[in-house]
Amino acid sequence: MKNLTGILLGAAAGIAAGILLAPDSGNKTRKVLGKESDKWKANFEKQLGENVDSILDGLTKAIEYYSKRSQKSLKEIRKNVKF
């Protein structure tokens, strides 16, 4: 946890220093930061979507597997038990 905090503080300090020492005007810097943040957001959403799809595929396969297995077990029970 301490490492993560240090990394985040270091990143924040680096970003702040970069903005303060940027050779471009504030307006241009904001545009560049906006474009970069849009790229990061799009990439994050893409990866999140892929992970969600992968998880849902896994859950679907597990549900199908256990459904078939339980149906088979139910058939065996009905076959062995006479009412």
PDB file of N, CA and C in Angstrom:
ATOM      1  N   MET A   1       0.828  -1.195   0.000  1.00  0.00           N
ATOM      2  CA  MET A   1       0.000   0.000   0.000  1.00  0.00           C
ATOM      3  C   MET A   1       0.871   1.256   0.000  1.00  0.00           C
ATOM      4  N   LYS A   2       1.994   1.192   0.733  1.00  0.00           N
ATOM      5  CA  LYS A   2       2.892   2.344   0.772  1.00  0.00           C
ATOM      6  C   LYS A   2       3.504   2.598  -0.602  1.00  0.00           C
ATOM      7  N   ASN A   3       3.819   1.505  -1.310  1.00  0.00           N
ATOM      8  CA  ASN A   3       4.401   1.656  -2.646  1.00  0.00           C
ATOM      9  C   ASN A   3       3.421   2.324  -3.598  1.00  0.00           C
ATOM     10  N   LEU A   4       2.167   1.917  -3.549  1.00  0.00           N
ATOM     11  CA  LEU A   4       1.150   2.493  -4.420  1.00  0.00           C
ATOM     12  C   LEU A   4       0.978   3.982  -4.133  1.00  0.00           C
ATOM     13  N   THR A   5       0.950   4.335  -2.870  1.00  0.00           N
ATOM     14  CA  THR A   5       0.822   5.743  -2.493  1.00  0.00           C
ATOM     15  C   THR A   5       2.011   6.538  -3.012  1.00  0.00           C
ATOM     16  N   GLY A   6       3.197   5.985  -2.871  1.00  0.00           N
ATOM     17  CA  GLY A   6       4.400   6.659  -3.360  1.00  0.00           C
ATOM     18  C   GLY A   6       4.382   6.836  -4.866  1.00  0.00           C
ATOM     19  N   ILE A   7       3.933   5.800  -5.564  1.00  0.00           N
ATOM     20  CA  ILE A   7       3.867   5.876  -7.020  1.00  0.00           C
ATOM     21  C   ILE A   7       2.869   6.947  -7.449  1.00  0.00           C
ATOM     22  N   LEU A   8       1.699   6.966  -6.810  1.00  0.00           N
ATOM     23  CA  LEU A   8       0.679   7.960  -7.159  1.00  0.00           C
ATOM     24  C   LEU A   8       1.143   9.376  -6.852  1.00  0.00           C
ATOM     25  N   LEU A   9       1.792   9.563  -5.709  1.00  0.00           N
ATOM     26  CA  LEU A   9       2.305  10.896  -5.367  1.00  0.00           C
ATOM     27  C   LEU A   9       3.402  11.321  -6.335  1.00  0.00           C
ATOM     28  N   GLY A  10       4.262  10.394  -6.705  1.00  0.00           N
ATOM     29  CA  GLY A  10       5.328  10.698  -7.664  1.00  0.00           C
ATOM     30  C   GLY A  10       4.761  11.069  -9.023  1.00  0.00           C
ATOM     31  N   ALA A  11       3.739  10.328  -9.461  1.00  0.00           N
ATOM     32  CA  ALA A  11       3.107  10.620 -10.747  1.00  0.00           C
ATOM     33  C   ALA A  11       2.446  11.994 -10.711  1.00  0.00           C
ATOM     34  N   ALA A  12       1.758  12.297  -9.626  1.00  0.00           N
ATOM     35  CA  ALA A  12       1.094  13.599  -9.500  1.00  0.00           C
ATOM     36  C   ALA A  12       2.123  14.736  -9.499  1.00  0.00           C
ATOM     37  N   ALA A  13       3.231  14.542  -8.801  1.00  0.00           N
ATOM     38  CA  ALA A  13       4.276  15.564  -8.774  1.00  0.00           C
ATOM     39  C   ALA A  13       4.885  15.752 -10.162  1.00  0.00           C
ATOM     40  N   GLY A  14       5.095  14.653 -10.876  1.00  0.00           N
ATOM     41  CA  GLY A  14       5.643  14.734 -12.224  1.00  0.00           C
ATOM     42  C   GLY A  14       4.714  15.453 -13.177  1.00  0.00           C
ATOM     43  N   ILE A  15       3.438  15.162 -13.072  1.00  0.00           N
ATOM     44  CA  ILE A  15       2.454  15.837 -13.926  1.00  0.00           C
ATOM     45  C   ILE A  15       2.415  17.340 -13.614  1.00  0.00           C
ATOM     46  N   ALA A  16       2.399  17.667 -12.332  1.00  0.00           N
ATOM     47  CA  ALA A  16       2.361  19.078 -11.939  1.00  0.00           C
ATOM     48  C   ALA A  16       3.611  19.806 -12.430  1.00  0.00           C
ATOM     49  N   ALA A  17       4.772  19.189 -12.274  1.00  0.00           N
ATOM     50  CA  ALA A  17       6.016  19.824 -12.737  1.00  0.00           C
ATOM     51  C   ALA A  17       5.998  19.984 -14.251  1.00  0.00           C
ATOM     52  N   GLY A  18       5.515  18.986 -14.952  1.00  0.00           N
ATOM     53  CA  GLY A  18       5.449  19.054 -16.409  1.00  0.00           C
ATOM     54  C   GLY A  18       4.547  20.169 -16.893  1.00  0.00           C
ATOM     55  N   ILE A  19       3.441  20.345 -16.220  1.00  0.00           N
ATOM     56  CA  ILE A  19       2.508  21.419 -16.614  1.00  0.00           C
ATOM     57  C   ILE A  19       3.103  22.792 -16.312  1.00  0.00           C
ATOM     58  N   LEU A  20       3.725  22.913 -15.143  1.00  0.00           N
ATOM     59  CA  LEU A  20       4.305  24.202 -14.759  1.00  0.00           C
ATOM     60  C   LEU A  20       5.495  24.587 -15.639  1.00  0.00           C
ATOM     61  N   LEU A  21       6.258  23.601 -16.073  1.00  0.00           N
ATOM     62  CA  LEU A  21       7.461  23.880 -16.847  1.00  0.00           C
ATOM     63  C   LEU A  21       7.253  23.689 -18.345  1.00  0.00           C
ATOM     64  N   ALA A  22       6.034  23.503 -18.766  1.00  0.00           N
ATOM     65  CA  ALA A  22       5.736  23.255 -20.177  1.00  0.00           C
ATOM     66  C   ALA A  22       6.113  24.471 -21.017  1.00  0.00           C
ATOM     67  N   PRO A  23       6.740  24.237 -22.173  1.00  0.00           N
ATOM     68  CA  PRO A  23       7.148  25.358 -23.020  1.00  0.00           C
ATOM     69  C   PRO A  23       5.986  25.969 -23.805  1.00  0.00           C
ATOM     70  N   ASP A  24       4.860  25.253 -23.885  1.00  0.00           N
ATOM     71  CA  ASP A  24       3.719  25.754 -24.641  1.00  0.00           C
ATOM     72  C   ASP A  24       2.815  26.614 -23.756  1.00  0.00           C
ATOM     73  N   SER A  25       1.907  27.321 -24.408  1.00  0.00           N
ATOM     74  CA  SER A  25       0.955  28.150 -23.675  1.00  0.00           C
ATOM     75  C   SER A  25      -0.037  27.256 -22.923  1.00  0.00           C
ATOM     76  N   GLY A  26      -0.715  27.831 -21.970  1.00  0.00           N
ATOM     77  CA  GLY A  26      -1.694  27.086 -21.179  1.00  0.00           C
ATOM     78  C   GLY A  26      -2.810  26.524 -22.034  1.00  0.00           C
ATOM     79  N   ASN A  27      -3.262  27.301 -23.002  1.00  0.00           N
ATOM     80  CA  ASN A  27      -4.352  26.868 -23.877  1.00  0.00           C
ATOM     81  C   ASN A  27      -3.938  25.630 -24.679  1.00  0.00           C
ATOM     82  N   LYS A  28      -2.736  25.675 -25.252  1.00  0.00           N
ATOM     83  CA  LYS A  28      -2.241  24.552 -26.053  1.00  0.00           C
ATOM     84  C   LYS A  28      -2.012  23.325 -25.158  1.00  0.00           C
ATOM     85  N   THR A  29      -1.468  23.547 -23.987  1.00  0.00           N
ATOM     86  CA  THR A  29      -1.215  22.449 -23.054  1.00  0.00           C
ATOM     87  C   THR A  29      -2.520  21.770 -22.648  1.00  0.00           C
ATOM     88  N   ARG A  30      -3.560  22.560 -22.387  1.00  0.00           N
ATOM     89  CA  ARG A  30      -4.862  21.992 -22.035  1.00  0.00           C
ATOM     90  C   ARG A  30      -5.431  21.150 -23.171  1.00  0.00           C
ATOM     91  N   LYS A  31      -5.259  21.615 -24.416  1.00  0.00           N
ATOM     92  CA  LYS A  31      -5.739  20.853 -25.569  1.00  0.00           C
ATOM     93  C   LYS A  31      -5.003  19.511 -25.667  1.00  0.00           C
ATOM     94  N   VAL A  32      -3.701  19.555 -25.501  1.00  0.00           N
ATOM     95  CA  VAL A  32      -2.906  18.320 -25.569  1.00  0.00           C
ATOM     96  C   VAL A  32      -3.326  17.368 -24.453  1.00  0.00           C
ATOM     97  N   LEU A  33      -3.479  17.899 -23.246  1.00  0.00           N
ATOM     98  CA  LEU A  33      -3.898  17.061 -22.115  1.00  0.00           C
ATOM     99  C   LEU A  33      -5.290  16.479 -22.355  1.00  0.00           C
ATOM    100  N   GLY A  34      -6.171  17.279 -22.933  1.00  0.00           N
ATOM    101  CA  GLY A  34      -7.520  16.793 -23.242  1.00  0.00           C
ATOM    102  C   GLY A  34      -7.494  15.655 -24.243  1.00  0.00           C
ATOM    103  N   LYS A  35      -6.691  15.800 -25.298  1.00  0.00           N
ATOM    104  CA  LYS A  35      -6.581  14.741 -26.307  1.00  0.00           C
ATOM    105  C   LYS A  35      -5.996  13.467 -25.696  1.00  0.00           C
ATOM    106  N   GLU A  36      -4.952  13.621 -24.900  1.00  0.00           N
ATOM    107  CA  GLU A  36      -4.330  12.453 -24.274  1.00  0.00           C
ATOM    108  C   GLU A  36      -5.276  11.762 -23.300  1.00  0.00           C
ATOM    109  N   SER A  37      -6.012  12.543 -22.537  1.00  0.00           N
ATOM    110  CA  SER A  37      -6.953  11.931 -21.590  1.00  0.00           C
ATOM    111  C   SER A  37      -8.069  11.210 -22.330  1.00  0.00           C
ATOM    112  N   ASP A  38      -8.486  11.744 -23.491  1.00  0.00           N
ATOM    113  CA  ASP A  38      -9.494  11.061 -24.304  1.00  0.00           C
ATOM    114  C   ASP A  38      -8.954   9.718 -24.811  1.00  0.00           C
ATOM    115  N   LYS A  39      -7.683   9.692 -25.226  1.00  0.00           N
ATOM    116  CA  LYS A  39      -7.065   8.442 -25.681  1.00  0.00           C
ATOM    117  C   LYS A  39      -7.023   7.417 -24.550  1.00  0.00           C
ATOM    118  N   TRP A  40      -6.599   7.860 -23.366  1.00  0.00           N
ATOM    119  CA  TRP A  40      -6.515   6.957 -22.207  1.00  0.00           C
ATOM    120  C   TRP A  40      -7.903   6.421 -21.858  1.00  0.00           C
ATOM    121  N   LYS A  41      -8.890   7.303 -21.890  1.00  0.00           N
ATOM    122  CA  LYS A  41     -10.262   6.900 -21.567  1.00  0.00           C
ATOM    123  C   LYS A  41     -10.771   5.862 -22.562  1.00  0.00           C
ATOM    124  N   ALA A  42     -10.545   6.099 -23.839  1.00  0.00           N
ATOM    125  CA  ALA A  42     -10.991   5.157 -24.870  1.00  0.00           C
ATOM    126  C   ALA A  42     -10.300   3.806 -24.707  1.00  0.00           C
ATOM    127  N   ASN A  43      -9.003   3.822 -24.435  1.00  0.00           N
ATOM    128  CA  ASN A  43      -8.255   2.587 -24.232  1.00  0.00           C
ATOM    129  C   ASN A  43      -8.759   1.836 -23.005  1.00  0.00           C
ATOM    130  N   PHE A  44      -9.010   2.563 -21.935  1.00  0.00           N
ATOM    131  CA  PHE A  44      -9.520   1.952 -20.703  1.00  0.00           C
ATOM    132  C   PHE A  44     -10.885   1.318 -20.947  1.00  0.00           C
ATOM    133  N   GLU A  45     -11.768   2.035 -21.628  1.00  0.00           N
ATOM    134  CA  GLU A  45     -13.104   1.507 -21.905  1.00  0.00           C
ATOM    135  C   GLU A  45     -13.034   0.268 -22.789  1.00  0.00           C
ATOM    136  N   LYS A  46     -12.126   0.266 -23.762  1.00  0.00           N
ATOM    137  CA  LYS A  46     -11.955  -0.887 -24.643  1.00  0.00           C
ATOM    138  C   LYS A  46     -11.504  -2.101 -23.836  1.00  0.00           C
ATOM    139  N   GLN A  47     -10.485  -1.913 -23.007  1.00  0.00           N
ATOM    140  CA  GLN A  47      -9.974  -3.028 -22.199  1.00  0.00           C
ATOM    141  C   GLN A  47     -11.018  -3.505 -21.207  1.00  0.00           C
ATOM    142  N   LEU A  48     -11.741  -2.595 -20.609  1.00  0.00           N
ATOM    143  CA  LEU A  48     -12.788  -2.972 -19.663  1.00  0.00           C
ATOM    144  C   LEU A  48     -13.860  -3.787 -20.365  1.00  0.00           C
ATOM    145  N   GLY A  49     -14.257  -3.348 -21.554  1.00  0.00           N
ATOM    146  CA  GLY A  49     -15.259  -4.075 -22.328  1.00  0.00           C
ATOM    147  C   GLY A  49     -14.795  -5.476 -22.683  1.00  0.00           C
ATOM    148  N   GLU A  50     -13.526  -5.612 -23.069  1.00  0.00           N
ATOM    149  CA  GLU A  50     -12.989  -6.922 -23.404  1.00  0.00           C
ATOM    150  C   GLU A  50     -12.983  -7.832 -22.187  1.00  0.00           C
ATOM    151  N   ASN A  51     -12.617  -7.290 -21.036  1.00  0.00           N
ATOM    152  CA  ASN A  51     -12.595  -8.100 -19.816  1.00  0.00           C
ATOM    153  C   ASN A  51     -13.999  -8.515 -19.399  1.00  0.00           C
ATOM    154  N   VAL A  52     -14.946  -7.619 -19.523  1.00  0.00           N
ATOM    155  CA  VAL A  52     -16.332  -7.946 -19.176  1.00  0.00           C
ATOM    156  C   VAL A  52     -16.852  -9.041 -20.103  1.00  0.00           C
ATOM    157  N   ASP A  53     -16.555  -8.912 -21.400  1.00  0.00           N
ATOM    158  CA  ASP A  53     -16.981  -9.938 -22.352  1.00  0.00           C
ATOM    159  C   ASP A  53     -16.371 -11.295 -22.008  1.00  0.00           C
ATOM    160  N   SER A  54     -15.105 -11.293 -21.640  1.00  0.00           N
ATOM    161  CA  SER A  54     -14.422 -12.538 -21.278  1.00  0.00           C
ATOM    162  C   SER A  54     -15.052 -13.165 -20.036  1.00  0.00           C
ATOM    163  N   ILE A  55     -15.359 -12.353 -19.053  1.00  0.00           N
ATOM    164  CA  ILE A  55     -15.986 -12.856 -17.820  1.00  0.00           C
ATOM    165  C   ILE A  55     -17.371 -13.416 -18.122  1.00  0.00           C
ATOM    166  N   LEU A  56     -18.138 -12.700 -18.925  1.00  0.00           N
ATOM    167  CA  LEU A  56     -19.484 -13.174 -19.270  1.00  0.00           C
ATOM    168  C   LEU A  56     -19.428 -14.476 -20.065  1.00  0.00           C
ATOM    169  N   ASP A  57     -18.461 -14.608 -20.966  1.00  0.00           N
ATOM    170  CA  ASP A  57     -18.302 -15.862 -21.706  1.00  0.00           C
ATOM    171  C   ASP A  57     -18.002 -17.015 -20.753  1.00  0.00           C
ATOM    172  N   GLY A  58     -17.114 -16.783 -19.814  1.00  0.00           N
ATOM    173  CA  GLY A  58     -16.779 -17.810 -18.833  1.00  0.00           C
ATOM    174  C   GLY A  58     -17.972 -18.210 -17.985  1.00  0.00           C
ATOM    175  N   LEU A  59     -18.746 -17.230 -17.552  1.00  0.00           N
ATOM    176  CA  LEU A  59     -19.940 -17.522 -16.758  1.00  0.00           C
ATOM    177  C   LEU A  59     -20.973 -18.302 -17.564  1.00  0.00           C
ATOM    178  N   THR A  60     -21.140 -17.928 -18.820  1.00  0.00           N
ATOM    179  CA  THR A  60     -22.093 -18.636 -19.685  1.00  0.00           C
ATOM    180  C   THR A  60     -21.687 -20.096 -19.850  1.00  0.00           C
ATOM    181  N   LYS A  61     -20.407 -20.333 -20.092  1.00  0.00           N
ATOM    182  CA  LYS A  61     -19.919 -21.706 -20.237  1.00  0.00           C
ATOM    183  C   LYS A  61     -20.100 -22.501 -18.948  1.00  0.00           C
ATOM    184  N   ALA A  62     -19.819 -21.877 -17.816  1.00  0.00           N
ATOM    185  CA  ALA A  62     -19.990 -22.562 -16.532  1.00  0.00           C
ATOM    186  C   ALA A  62     -21.455 -22.899 -16.280  1.00  0.00           C
ATOM    187  N   ILE A  63     -22.348 -21.984 -16.581  1.00  0.00           N
ATOM    188  CA  ILE A  63     -23.779 -22.228 -16.388  1.00  0.00           C
ATOM    189  C   ILE A  63     -24.247 -23.372 -17.280  1.00  0.00           C
ATOM    190  N   GLU A  64     -23.810 -23.358 -18.536  1.00  0.00           N
ATOM    191  CA  GLU A  64     -24.193 -24.440 -19.451  1.00  0.00           C
ATOM    192  C   GLU A  64     -23.668 -25.790 -18.962  1.00  0.00           C
ATOM    193  N   TYR A  65     -22.422 -25.822 -18.522  1.00  0.00           N
ATOM    194  CA  TYR A  65     -21.807 -27.057 -18.044  1.00  0.00           C
ATOM    195  C   TYR A  65     -22.576 -27.619 -16.843  1.00  0.00           C
ATOM    196  N   TYR A  66     -22.820 -26.777 -15.850  1.00  0.00           N
ATOM    197  CA  TYR A  66     -23.497 -27.255 -14.647  1.00  0.00           C
ATOM    198  C   TYR A  66     -24.967 -27.559 -14.903  1.00  0.00           C
ATOM    199  N   SER A  67     -25.569 -26.876 -15.851  1.00  0.00           N
ATOM    200  CA  SER A  67     -26.948 -27.183 -16.212  1.00  0.00           C
ATOM    201  C   SER A  67     -27.035 -28.580 -16.825  1.00  0.00           C
ATOM    202  N   LYS A  68     -26.153 -28.887 -17.759  1.00  0.00           N
ATOM    203  CA  LYS A  68     -26.131 -30.221 -18.367  1.00  0.00           C
ATOM    204  C   LYS A  68     -25.827 -31.291 -17.327  1.00  0.00           C
ATOM    205  N   ARG A  69     -24.895 -30.983 -16.460  1.00  0.00           N
ATOM    206  CA  ARG A  69     -24.513 -31.943 -15.419  1.00  0.00           C
ATOM    207  C   ARG A  69     -25.673 -32.215 -14.458  1.00  0.00           C
ATOM    208  N   SER A  70     -26.377 -31.163 -14.062  1.00  0.00           N
ATOM    209  CA  SER A  70     -27.497 -31.354 -13.135  1.00  0.00           C
ATOM    210  C   SER A  70     -28.657 -32.080 -13.811  1.00  0.00           C
ATOM    211  N   GLN A  71     -28.883 -31.818 -15.103  1.00  0.00           N
ATOM    212  CA  GLN A  71     -29.936 -32.532 -15.829  1.00  0.00           C
ATOM    213  C   GLN A  71     -29.605 -34.024 -15.924  1.00  0.00           C
ATOM    214  N   LYS A  72     -28.343 -34.335 -16.162  1.00  0.00           N
ATOM    215  CA  LYS A  72     -27.913 -35.729 -16.227  1.00  0.00           C
ATOM    216  C   LYS A  72     -28.111 -36.408 -14.870  1.00  0.00           C
ATOM    217  N   SER A  73     -27.733 -35.719 -13.807  1.00  0.00           N
ATOM    218  CA  SER A  73     -27.905 -36.280 -12.460  1.00  0.00           C
ATOM    219  C   SER A  73     -29.374 -36.487 -12.137  1.00  0.00           C
ATOM    220  N   LEU A  74     -30.214 -35.562 -12.528  1.00  0.00           N
ATOM    221  CA  LEU A  74     -31.654 -35.674 -12.287  1.00  0.00           C
ATOM    222  C   LEU A  74     -32.233 -36.874 -13.031  1.00  0.00           C
ATOM    223  N   LYS A  75     -31.793 -37.103 -14.258  1.00  0.00           N
ATOM    224  CA  LYS A  75     -32.246 -38.267 -15.021  1.00  0.00           C
ATOM    225  C   LYS A  75     -31.832 -39.561 -14.333  1.00  0.00           C
ATOM    226  N   GLU A  76     -30.614 -39.594 -13.810  1.00  0.00           N
ATOM    227  CA  GLU A  76     -30.133 -40.788 -13.107  1.00  0.00           C
ATOM    228  C   GLU A  76     -30.949 -41.048 -11.843  1.00  0.00           C
ATOM    229  N   ILE A  77     -31.264 -39.994 -11.125  1.00  0.00           N
ATOM    230  CA  ILE A  77     -32.061 -40.151  -9.905  1.00  0.00           C
ATOM    231  C   ILE A  77     -33.452 -40.659 -10.248  1.00  0.00           C
ATOM    232  N   ARG A  78     -34.067 -40.088 -11.256  1.00  0.00           N
ATOM    233  CA  ARG A  78     -35.412 -40.531 -11.650  1.00  0.00           C
ATOM    234  C   ARG A  78     -35.389 -41.984 -12.123  1.00  0.00           C
ATOM    235  N   LYS A  79     -34.335 -42.394 -12.769  1.00  0.00           N
ATOM    236  CA  LYS A  79     -34.223 -43.748 -13.264  1.00  0.00           C
ATOM    237  C   LYS A  79     -34.065 -44.754 -12.101  1.00  0.00           C
ATOM    238  N   ASN A  80     -33.358 -44.369 -11.076  1.00  0.00           N
ATOM    239  CA  ASN A  80     -33.080 -45.265  -9.950  1.00  0.00           C
ATOM    240  C   ASN A  80     -34.129 -45.250  -8.864  1.00  0.00           C
ATOM    241  N   VAL A  81     -34.920 -44.196  -8.803  1.00  0.00           N
ATOM    242  CA  VAL A  81     -35.940 -44.077  -7.758  1.00  0.00           C
ATOM    243  C   VAL A  81     -37.311 -44.288  -8.392  1.00  0.00           C
ATOM    244  N   LYS A  82     -38.051 -45.220  -7.833  1.00  0.00           N
ATOM    245  CA  LYS A  82     -39.395 -45.489  -8.348  1.00  0.00           C
ATOM    246  C   LYS A  82     -40.413 -44.903  -7.387  1.00  0.00           C
ATOM    247  N   PHE A  83     -41.360 -44.193  -7.949  1.00  0.00           N
ATOM    248  CA  PHE A  83     -42.386 -43.566  -7.107  1.00  0.00           C
ATOM    249  C   PHE A  83     -43.578 -44.440  -6.990  1.00  0.00           C
TER     250      PHE A  83
END
